[in-house]
Amino acid sequence: MQKFQIVKKPAYAIESVDNALQLILLLQERDALRVNEAAERLGVAPSTAHRLLATLLYRGFALQDESRRYTAGPALRGVTRQGRLQEVVSTALPQLEELASAVGETVNLVARFGTSVRFIASVESAQLLRVGDRSGTVLPARLSSGGKAILATLDGEALHQLYSGRVAQLAGDHLSADELGALQEELARVRAKGYALNLGRTEPDIAAVGVAVPAPAQRSWLAVSLSAPRSRAEALDRPDTLAALRGCCDTIAASLEAVQLAGPH
């Protein structure tokens, strides 16, 4: 006789967490989900369902289409239709290791989820004074070098929606008109140079430079960054270092495309 266990809802279940998990299951089961449908399914007010979906959107578990419907996000799709996030890391790792050996600094692969970037892989520098493994670290995209490099591939409308829409307000990422204008000006400079610098903006003693990994439709979702102690910040901006970084990104893009892992959706 087959043995199985009946899992009951715990008496100590946290309702908001349970509702969020139910929404994740719904997003996996359906092609699209509207706020009213989510509210009806959960038995909550539409405003509550909207806040839950906005949080899932912020963390990459949901996406919103042109009709304001919610669909499964990159965190549920393993970032790509064709494969899983770990496959992306495995494909890029040889290039990351080669770059770390060539430049002597810690190399990171970062992915954007909403207004944040997550470090999904790191190869540490062999130098005694170095930046350690950053894997798992989450930073605001608009402050980190890799995040800014990725954001620079978005158009003005996409940026406005990301930082000025209702979701941004609910997630605490809303920027004023002046702040958004300043960000757009900074991203224009990043776009012109082809790379982004972060000199102590996220951590005072760390400098970083990031370049977006080219992607279809010019909207990147990955970037490679170099992290170093502030004392070696000037080395990150050298032409040879930047050339090696760009070459790494181009090679990763080609490798991901070859195994059909190039796009986030």
C-alpha atoms as a PDB file:
ATOM      1  CA  MET A   1       0.000   0.000   0.000  1.00  0.00           C
ATOM      2  CA  GLN A   2       1.322   3.404  -0.927  1.00  0.00           C
ATOM      3  CA  LYS A   3       2.134   5.589   2.039  1.00  0.00           C
ATOM      4  CA  PHE A   4       1.436   9.281   1.986  1.00  0.00           C
ATOM      5  CA  GLN A   5       1.147  12.164   4.398  1.00  0.00           C
ATOM      6  CA  ILE A   6      -1.752  14.578   4.639  1.00  0.00           C
ATOM      7  CA  VAL A   7      -0.387  18.058   5.219  1.00  0.00           C
ATOM      8  CA  LYS A   8      -2.833  20.257   7.087  1.00  0.00           C
ATOM      9  CA  LYS A   9      -2.793  24.005   7.405  1.00  0.00           C
ATOM     10  CA  PRO A  10      -0.885  24.833  10.605  1.00  0.00           C
ATOM     11  CA  ALA A  11      -2.714  26.594  13.382  1.00  0.00           C
ATOM     12  CA  TYR A  12       0.046  29.192  13.489  1.00  0.00           C
ATOM     13  CA  ALA A  13      -0.079  30.025   9.756  1.00  0.00           C
ATOM     14  CA  ILE A  14       0.608  33.673   8.935  1.00  0.00           C
ATOM     15  CA  GLU A  15      -2.303  34.763   6.775  1.00  0.00           C
ATOM     16  CA  SER A  16      -0.409  37.268   4.621  1.00  0.00           C
ATOM     17  CA  VAL A  17       2.352  34.753   3.883  1.00  0.00           C
ATOM     18  CA  ASP A  18      -0.208  32.068   3.093  1.00  0.00           C
ATOM     19  CA  ASN A  19      -2.037  34.422   0.733  1.00  0.00           C
ATOM     20  CA  ALA A  20       1.197  35.340  -1.037  1.00  0.00           C
ATOM     21  CA  LEU A  21       2.056  31.672  -1.497  1.00  0.00           C
ATOM     22  CA  GLN A  22      -1.414  30.982  -2.865  1.00  0.00           C
ATOM     23  CA  LEU A  23      -0.908  33.770  -5.390  1.00  0.00           C
ATOM     24  CA  ILE A  24       2.408  32.253  -6.441  1.00  0.00           C
ATOM     25  CA  LEU A  25       0.635  28.957  -7.109  1.00  0.00           C
ATOM     26  CA  LEU A  26      -2.066  30.766  -9.096  1.00  0.00           C
ATOM     27  CA  LEU A  27       0.550  32.552 -11.189  1.00  0.00           C
ATOM     28  CA  GLN A  28       2.156  29.212 -11.982  1.00  0.00           C
ATOM     29  CA  GLU A  29      -1.179  27.654 -12.926  1.00  0.00           C
ATOM     30  CA  ARG A  30      -2.650  30.453 -15.050  1.00  0.00           C
ATOM     31  CA  ASP A  31      -1.507  32.415 -18.057  1.00  0.00           C
ATOM     32  CA  ALA A  32      -2.650  35.683 -16.449  1.00  0.00           C
ATOM     33  CA  LEU A  33      -4.333  36.902 -13.272  1.00  0.00           C
ATOM     34  CA  ARG A  34      -6.268  40.090 -12.562  1.00  0.00           C
ATOM     35  CA  VAL A  35      -6.459  41.789  -9.184  1.00  0.00           C
ATOM     36  CA  ASN A  36     -10.196  41.123  -8.805  1.00  0.00           C
ATOM     37  CA  GLU A  37      -9.690  37.444  -9.621  1.00  0.00           C
ATOM     38  CA  ALA A  38      -6.941  37.185  -7.032  1.00  0.00           C
ATOM     39  CA  ALA A  39      -9.077  38.943  -4.431  1.00  0.00           C
ATOM     40  CA  GLU A  40     -12.011  36.623  -5.072  1.00  0.00           C
ATOM     41  CA  ARG A  41      -9.834  33.518  -4.898  1.00  0.00           C
ATOM     42  CA  LEU A  42      -8.235  34.610  -1.608  1.00  0.00           C
ATOM     43  CA  GLY A  43     -11.388  36.068  -0.111  1.00  0.00           C
ATOM     44  CA  VAL A  44      -9.757  39.431   0.538  1.00  0.00           C
ATOM     45  CA  ALA A  45     -10.357  43.010  -0.537  1.00  0.00           C
ATOM     46  CA  PRO A  46      -9.009  44.026  -3.964  1.00  0.00           C
ATOM     47  CA  SER A  47      -6.694  46.524  -2.261  1.00  0.00           C
ATOM     48  CA  THR A  48      -5.137  43.685  -0.238  1.00  0.00           C
ATOM     49  CA  ALA A  49      -4.730  41.524  -3.323  1.00  0.00           C
ATOM     50  CA  HIS A  50      -3.140  44.469  -5.138  1.00  0.00           C
ATOM     51  CA  ARG A  51      -0.594  44.993  -2.364  1.00  0.00           C
ATOM     52  CA  LEU A  52       0.317  41.310  -2.372  1.00  0.00           C
ATOM     53  CA  LEU A  53       0.713  41.220  -6.150  1.00  0.00           C
ATOM     54  CA  ALA A  54       2.752  44.434  -6.073  1.00  0.00           C
ATOM     55  CA  THR A  55       5.126  42.822  -3.592  1.00  0.00           C
ATOM     56  CA  LEU A  56       5.478  39.727  -5.793  1.00  0.00           C
ATOM     57  CA  LEU A  57       6.124  42.035  -8.743  1.00  0.00           C
ATOM     58  CA  TYR A  58       8.817  43.864  -6.769  1.00  0.00           C
ATOM     59  CA  ARG A  59      10.579  40.595  -5.864  1.00  0.00           C
ATOM     60  CA  GLY A  60      10.455  39.179  -9.384  1.00  0.00           C
ATOM     61  CA  PHE A  61       7.743  36.582  -8.755  1.00  0.00           C
ATOM     62  CA  ALA A  62       5.277  38.391 -11.034  1.00  0.00           C
ATOM     63  CA  LEU A  63       5.215  40.531 -14.157  1.00  0.00           C
ATOM     64  CA  GLN A  64       2.509  42.897 -15.388  1.00  0.00           C
ATOM     65  CA  ASP A  65       1.454  43.027 -19.022  1.00  0.00           C
ATOM     66  CA  GLU A  66      -0.030  45.875 -21.057  1.00  0.00           C
ATOM     67  CA  SER A  67      -3.549  44.959 -19.869  1.00  0.00           C
ATOM     68  CA  ARG A  68      -2.519  45.292 -16.205  1.00  0.00           C
ATOM     69  CA  ARG A  69      -2.769  41.532 -15.737  1.00  0.00           C
ATOM     70  CA  TYR A  70      -0.203  39.672 -13.674  1.00  0.00           C
ATOM     71  CA  THR A  71       1.797  36.743 -15.022  1.00  0.00           C
ATOM     72  CA  ALA A  72       4.528  34.519 -13.615  1.00  0.00           C
ATOM     73  CA  GLY A  73       7.738  36.487 -13.163  1.00  0.00           C
ATOM     74  CA  PRO A  74      11.375  35.538 -13.758  1.00  0.00           C
ATOM     75  CA  ALA A  75      11.799  34.125 -10.251  1.00  0.00           C
ATOM     76  CA  LEU A  76       9.070  31.565 -11.014  1.00  0.00           C
ATOM     77  CA  ARG A  77      10.220  30.894 -14.535  1.00  0.00           C
ATOM     78  CA  GLY A  78      13.786  30.282 -13.497  1.00  0.00           C
ATOM     79  CA  VAL A  79      14.452  33.595 -15.307  1.00  0.00           C
ATOM     80  CA  THR A  80      14.090  32.005 -18.739  1.00  0.00           C
ATOM     81  CA  ARG A  81      11.572  29.866 -20.538  1.00  0.00           C
ATOM     82  CA  GLN A  82      14.283  27.551 -21.803  1.00  0.00           C
ATOM     83  CA  GLY A  83      16.209  26.902 -18.658  1.00  0.00           C
ATOM     84  CA  ARG A  84      16.872  27.606 -15.025  1.00  0.00           C
ATOM     85  CA  LEU A  85      18.865  30.313 -13.328  1.00  0.00           C
ATOM     86  CA  GLN A  86      21.566  27.833 -12.354  1.00  0.00           C
ATOM     87  CA  GLU A  87      22.050  26.982 -16.014  1.00  0.00           C
ATOM     88  CA  VAL A  88      22.701  30.657 -16.712  1.00  0.00           C
ATOM     89  CA  VAL A  89      25.323  30.724 -13.967  1.00  0.00           C
ATOM     90  CA  SER A  90      26.948  27.509 -15.200  1.00  0.00           C
ATOM     91  CA  THR A  91      27.118  28.849 -18.738  1.00  0.00           C
ATOM     92  CA  ALA A  92      28.662  32.152 -17.669  1.00  0.00           C
ATOM     93  CA  LEU A  93      31.045  30.817 -15.018  1.00  0.00           C
ATOM     94  CA  PRO A  94      34.024  30.030 -17.317  1.00  0.00           C
ATOM     95  CA  GLN A  95      34.006  33.606 -18.624  1.00  0.00           C
ATOM     96  CA  LEU A  96      33.715  35.023 -15.104  1.00  0.00           C
ATOM     97  CA  GLU A  97      36.694  32.949 -13.963  1.00  0.00           C
ATOM     98  CA  GLU A  98      38.724  34.019 -16.987  1.00  0.00           C
ATOM     99  CA  LEU A  99      37.976  37.679 -16.321  1.00  0.00           C
ATOM    100  CA  ALA A 100      38.860  37.384 -12.623  1.00  0.00           C
ATOM    101  CA  SER A 101      42.197  35.858 -13.559  1.00  0.00           C
ATOM    102  CA  ALA A 102      42.888  38.540 -16.173  1.00  0.00           C
ATOM    103  CA  VAL A 103      42.071  41.637 -14.086  1.00  0.00           C
ATOM    104  CA  GLY A 104      42.834  40.363 -10.575  1.00  0.00           C
ATOM    105  CA  GLU A 105      39.588  41.614  -9.012  1.00  0.00           C
ATOM    106  CA  THR A 106      36.366  39.972  -7.858  1.00  0.00           C
ATOM    107  CA  VAL A 107      33.917  39.378 -10.703  1.00  0.00           C
ATOM    108  CA  ASN A 108      30.136  39.226 -10.244  1.00  0.00           C
ATOM    109  CA  LEU A 109      27.175  38.225 -12.377  1.00  0.00           C
ATOM    110  CA  VAL A 110      24.043  40.164 -11.404  1.00  0.00           C
ATOM    111  CA  ALA A 111      20.414  39.892 -12.531  1.00  0.00           C
ATOM    112  CA  ARG A 112      17.722  42.553 -12.263  1.00  0.00           C
ATOM    113  CA  PHE A 113      14.444  41.795 -10.522  1.00  0.00           C
ATOM    114  CA  GLY A 114      12.259  44.885 -10.580  1.00  0.00           C
ATOM    115  CA  THR A 115      14.148  47.775  -9.001  1.00  0.00           C
ATOM    116  CA  SER A 116      16.736  45.494  -7.378  1.00  0.00           C
ATOM    117  CA  VAL A 117      19.657  43.431  -8.584  1.00  0.00           C
ATOM    118  CA  ARG A 118      20.697  40.126  -7.122  1.00  0.00           C
ATOM    119  CA  PHE A 119      24.266  38.849  -7.271  1.00  0.00           C
ATOM    120  CA  ILE A 120      23.810  35.342  -8.671  1.00  0.00           C
ATOM    121  CA  ALA A 121      27.493  34.388  -8.969  1.00  0.00           C
ATOM    122  CA  SER A 122      30.897  35.649  -7.854  1.00  0.00           C
ATOM    123  CA  VAL A 123      34.489  34.696  -8.525  1.00  0.00           C
ATOM    124  CA  GLU A 124      36.775  36.127  -5.858  1.00  0.00           C
ATOM    125  CA  SER A 125      40.038  37.888  -6.533  1.00  0.00           C
ATOM    126  CA  ALA A 126      43.182  36.067  -5.490  1.00  0.00           C
ATOM    127  CA  GLN A 127      44.637  39.205  -3.922  1.00  0.00           C
ATOM    128  CA  LEU A 128      45.034  39.347  -0.158  1.00  0.00           C
ATOM    129  CA  LEU A 129      43.002  42.561   0.067  1.00  0.00           C
ATOM    130  CA  ARG A 130      39.874  41.850  -1.958  1.00  0.00           C
ATOM    131  CA  VAL A 131      36.100  42.025  -2.087  1.00  0.00           C
ATOM    132  CA  GLY A 132      34.600  38.716  -0.989  1.00  0.00           C
ATOM    133  CA  ASP A 133      31.964  36.509  -2.578  1.00  0.00           C
ATOM    134  CA  ARG A 134      28.845  38.620  -3.202  1.00  0.00           C
ATOM    135  CA  SER A 135      26.492  35.783  -4.172  1.00  0.00           C
ATOM    136  CA  GLY A 136      23.007  36.325  -2.802  1.00  0.00           C
ATOM    137  CA  THR A 137      23.487  40.033  -2.124  1.00  0.00           C
ATOM    138  CA  VAL A 138      20.559  42.231  -3.188  1.00  0.00           C
ATOM    139  CA  LEU A 139      21.121  45.940  -3.910  1.00  0.00           C
ATOM    140  CA  PRO A 140      19.056  48.782  -5.396  1.00  0.00           C
ATOM    141  CA  ALA A 141      19.564  48.682  -9.153  1.00  0.00           C
ATOM    142  CA  ARG A 142      19.876  52.472  -9.412  1.00  0.00           C
ATOM    143  CA  LEU A 143      22.848  52.541  -7.020  1.00  0.00           C
ATOM    144  CA  SER A 144      24.904  49.497  -8.024  1.00  0.00           C
ATOM    145  CA  SER A 145      27.200  49.500 -11.041  1.00  0.00           C
ATOM    146  CA  GLY A 146      25.665  46.403 -12.625  1.00  0.00           C
ATOM    147  CA  GLY A 147      22.161  47.641 -11.903  1.00  0.00           C
ATOM    148  CA  LYS A 148      22.800  51.010 -13.533  1.00  0.00           C
ATOM    149  CA  ALA A 149      24.301  49.305 -16.562  1.00  0.00           C
ATOM    150  CA  ILE A 150      21.133  47.224 -16.928  1.00  0.00           C
ATOM    151  CA  LEU A 151      18.781  50.161 -16.326  1.00  0.00           C
ATOM    152  CA  ALA A 152      20.607  52.130 -19.013  1.00  0.00           C
ATOM    153  CA  THR A 153      19.279  49.649 -21.596  1.00  0.00           C
ATOM    154  CA  LEU A 154      15.656  50.588 -20.756  1.00  0.00           C
ATOM    155  CA  ASP A 155      13.802  53.390 -22.493  1.00  0.00           C
ATOM    156  CA  GLY A 156      12.340  56.399 -20.700  1.00  0.00           C
ATOM    157  CA  GLU A 157       8.822  54.967 -20.544  1.00  0.00           C
ATOM    158  CA  ALA A 158      10.004  51.745 -18.920  1.00  0.00           C
ATOM    159  CA  LEU A 159      12.034  53.670 -16.353  1.00  0.00           C
ATOM    160  CA  HIS A 160       9.094  55.931 -15.572  1.00  0.00           C
ATOM    161  CA  GLN A 161       6.844  52.936 -14.986  1.00  0.00           C
ATOM    162  CA  LEU A 162       9.487  51.240 -12.840  1.00  0.00           C
ATOM    163  CA  TYR A 163      10.023  54.190 -10.500  1.00  0.00           C
ATOM    164  CA  SER A 164       6.874  56.310 -10.746  1.00  0.00           C
ATOM    165  CA  GLY A 165       4.011  53.850 -11.013  1.00  0.00           C
ATOM    166  CA  ARG A 166       1.662  52.524  -8.362  1.00  0.00           C
ATOM    167  CA  VAL A 167       3.859  49.480  -7.797  1.00  0.00           C
ATOM    168  CA  ALA A 168       6.848  51.692  -7.031  1.00  0.00           C
ATOM    169  CA  GLN A 169       4.797  53.578  -4.448  1.00  0.00           C
ATOM    170  CA  LEU A 170       3.656  50.399  -2.732  1.00  0.00           C
ATOM    171  CA  ALA A 171       7.181  48.971  -2.725  1.00  0.00           C
ATOM    172  CA  GLY A 172       8.769  52.173  -1.399  1.00  0.00           C
ATOM    173  CA  ASP A 173      10.776  52.732  -4.593  1.00  0.00           C
ATOM    174  CA  HIS A 174       8.887  55.757  -5.889  1.00  0.00           C
ATOM    175  CA  LEU A 175      11.108  58.586  -7.139  1.00  0.00           C
ATOM    176  CA  SER A 176      10.069  62.210  -7.367  1.00  0.00           C
ATOM    177  CA  ALA A 177      10.185  63.950 -10.724  1.00  0.00           C
ATOM    178  CA  ASP A 178      13.532  65.533  -9.821  1.00  0.00           C
ATOM    179  CA  GLU A 179      14.986  62.235  -8.587  1.00  0.00           C
ATOM    180  CA  LEU A 180      13.827  60.394 -11.692  1.00  0.00           C
ATOM    181  CA  GLY A 181      15.229  63.148 -13.882  1.00  0.00           C
ATOM    182  CA  ALA A 182      18.603  62.880 -12.140  1.00  0.00           C
ATOM    183  CA  LEU A 183      18.586  59.109 -12.602  1.00  0.00           C
ATOM    184  CA  GLN A 184      17.760  59.445 -16.293  1.00  0.00           C
ATOM    185  CA  GLU A 185      20.639  61.909 -16.734  1.00  0.00           C
ATOM    186  CA  GLU A 186      23.019  59.527 -14.981  1.00  0.00           C
ATOM    187  CA  LEU A 187      21.837  56.609 -17.102  1.00  0.00           C
ATOM    188  CA  ALA A 188      22.328  58.698 -20.244  1.00  0.00           C
ATOM    189  CA  ARG A 189      25.980  59.098 -19.257  1.00  0.00           C
ATOM    190  CA  VAL A 190      26.229  55.368 -18.584  1.00  0.00           C
ATOM    191  CA  ARG A 191      24.699  54.679 -21.984  1.00  0.00           C
ATOM    192  CA  ALA A 192      27.188  56.997 -23.684  1.00  0.00           C
ATOM    193  CA  LYS A 193      30.200  55.442 -21.951  1.00  0.00           C
ATOM    194  CA  GLY A 194      28.979  51.853 -22.118  1.00  0.00           C
ATOM    195  CA  TYR A 195      29.674  51.152 -18.447  1.00  0.00           C
ATOM    196  CA  ALA A 196      28.668  52.309 -14.968  1.00  0.00           C
ATOM    197  CA  LEU A 197      30.755  53.106 -11.913  1.00  0.00           C
ATOM    198  CA  ASN A 198      29.858  52.800  -8.255  1.00  0.00           C
ATOM    199  CA  LEU A 199      32.335  54.491  -5.968  1.00  0.00           C
ATOM    200  CA  GLY A 200      31.204  53.787  -2.440  1.00  0.00           C
ATOM    201  CA  ARG A 201      27.503  54.453  -3.034  1.00  0.00           C
ATOM    202  CA  THR A 202      26.350  51.097  -1.689  1.00  0.00           C
ATOM    203  CA  GLU A 203      29.301  50.347   0.621  1.00  0.00           C
ATOM    204  CA  PRO A 204      31.867  53.054   1.497  1.00  0.00           C
ATOM    205  CA  ASP A 205      34.993  50.940   1.069  1.00  0.00           C
ATOM    206  CA  ILE A 206      34.043  49.232  -2.197  1.00  0.00           C
ATOM    207  CA  ALA A 207      34.328  50.437  -5.786  1.00  0.00           C
ATOM    208  CA  ALA A 208      32.759  48.680  -8.747  1.00  0.00           C
ATOM    209  CA  VAL A 209      32.324  48.940 -12.489  1.00  0.00           C
ATOM    210  CA  GLY A 210      29.533  47.211 -14.395  1.00  0.00           C
ATOM    211  CA  VAL A 211      28.659  46.433 -18.011  1.00  0.00           C
ATOM    212  CA  ALA A 212      25.356  45.022 -19.218  1.00  0.00           C
ATOM    213  CA  VAL A 213      25.327  41.663 -20.964  1.00  0.00           C
ATOM    214  CA  PRO A 214      23.854  42.306 -24.438  1.00  0.00           C
ATOM    215  CA  ALA A 215      20.384  40.814 -24.892  1.00  0.00           C
ATOM    216  CA  PRO A 216      17.687  40.578 -27.566  1.00  0.00           C
ATOM    217  CA  ALA A 217      15.611  43.742 -28.056  1.00  0.00           C
ATOM    218  CA  GLN A 218      18.391  45.749 -26.362  1.00  0.00           C
ATOM    219  CA  ARG A 219      16.814  45.312 -22.892  1.00  0.00           C
ATOM    220  CA  SER A 220      19.409  43.575 -20.782  1.00  0.00           C
ATOM    221  CA  TRP A 221      18.596  41.674 -17.601  1.00  0.00           C
ATOM    222  CA  LEU A 222      22.150  40.609 -16.710  1.00  0.00           C
ATOM    223  CA  ALA A 223      25.359  42.506 -16.058  1.00  0.00           C
ATOM    224  CA  VAL A 224      28.909  41.664 -15.083  1.00  0.00           C
ATOM    225  CA  SER A 225      30.637  43.824 -12.500  1.00  0.00           C
ATOM    226  CA  LEU A 226      34.121  44.085 -11.053  1.00  0.00           C
ATOM    227  CA  SER A 227      34.410  44.861  -7.336  1.00  0.00           C
ATOM    228  CA  ALA A 228      37.556  46.145  -5.660  1.00  0.00           C
ATOM    229  CA  PRO A 229      38.659  48.010  -2.534  1.00  0.00           C
ATOM    230  CA  ARG A 230      38.362  51.792  -2.966  1.00  0.00           C
ATOM    231  CA  SER A 231      42.162  51.991  -2.859  1.00  0.00           C
ATOM    232  CA  ARG A 232      42.246  50.286  -6.285  1.00  0.00           C
ATOM    233  CA  ALA A 233      39.270  52.132  -7.792  1.00  0.00           C
ATOM    234  CA  GLU A 234      41.326  53.809 -10.521  1.00  0.00           C
ATOM    235  CA  ALA A 235      42.304  50.432 -11.971  1.00  0.00           C
ATOM    236  CA  LEU A 236      38.644  49.661 -12.679  1.00  0.00           C
ATOM    237  CA  ASP A 237      38.385  52.602 -15.076  1.00  0.00           C
ATOM    238  CA  ARG A 238      41.429  51.700 -17.175  1.00  0.00           C
ATOM    239  CA  PRO A 239      40.879  51.018 -20.893  1.00  0.00           C
ATOM    240  CA  ASP A 240      42.358  47.514 -20.681  1.00  0.00           C
ATOM    241  CA  THR A 241      40.148  46.585 -17.723  1.00  0.00           C
ATOM    242  CA  LEU A 242      37.033  47.904 -19.452  1.00  0.00           C
ATOM    243  CA  ALA A 243      37.935  46.103 -22.667  1.00  0.00           C
ATOM    244  CA  ALA A 244      38.294  42.821 -20.787  1.00  0.00           C
ATOM    245  CA  LEU A 245      34.971  43.415 -19.025  1.00  0.00           C
ATOM    246  CA  ARG A 246      33.140  44.183 -22.270  1.00  0.00           C
ATOM    247  CA  GLY A 247      34.693  41.151 -23.932  1.00  0.00           C
ATOM    248  CA  CYS A 248      33.480  38.967 -21.066  1.00  0.00           C
ATOM    249  CA  CYS A 249      29.926  40.293 -21.444  1.00  0.00           C
ATOM    250  CA  ASP A 250      29.922  39.730 -25.210  1.00  0.00           C
ATOM    251  CA  THR A 251      31.162  36.166 -24.775  1.00  0.00           C
ATOM    252  CA  ILE A 252      28.552  35.421 -22.116  1.00  0.00           C
ATOM    253  CA  ALA A 253      25.819  36.828 -24.376  1.00  0.00           C
ATOM    254  CA  ALA A 254      26.932  34.593 -27.236  1.00  0.00           C
ATOM    255  CA  SER A 255      27.137  31.548 -24.950  1.00  0.00           C
ATOM    256  CA  LEU A 256      23.653  32.138 -23.531  1.00  0.00           C
ATOM    257  CA  GLU A 257      22.187  32.643 -26.983  1.00  0.00           C
ATOM    258  CA  ALA A 258      23.789  29.415 -28.187  1.00  0.00           C
ATOM    259  CA  VAL A 259      21.974  27.439 -25.487  1.00  0.00           C
ATOM    260  CA  GLN A 260      18.757  29.529 -25.758  1.00  0.00           C
ATOM    261  CA  LEU A 261      19.165  31.280 -22.412  1.00  0.00           C
ATOM    262  CA  ALA A 262      19.560  34.785 -23.770  1.00  0.00           C
ATOM    263  CA  GLY A 263      16.173  36.318 -22.875  1.00  0.00           C
ATOM    264  CA  PRO A 264      14.478  36.770 -19.518  1.00  0.00           C
ATOM    265  CA  HIS A 265      10.935  35.928 -20.691  1.00  0.00           C
END
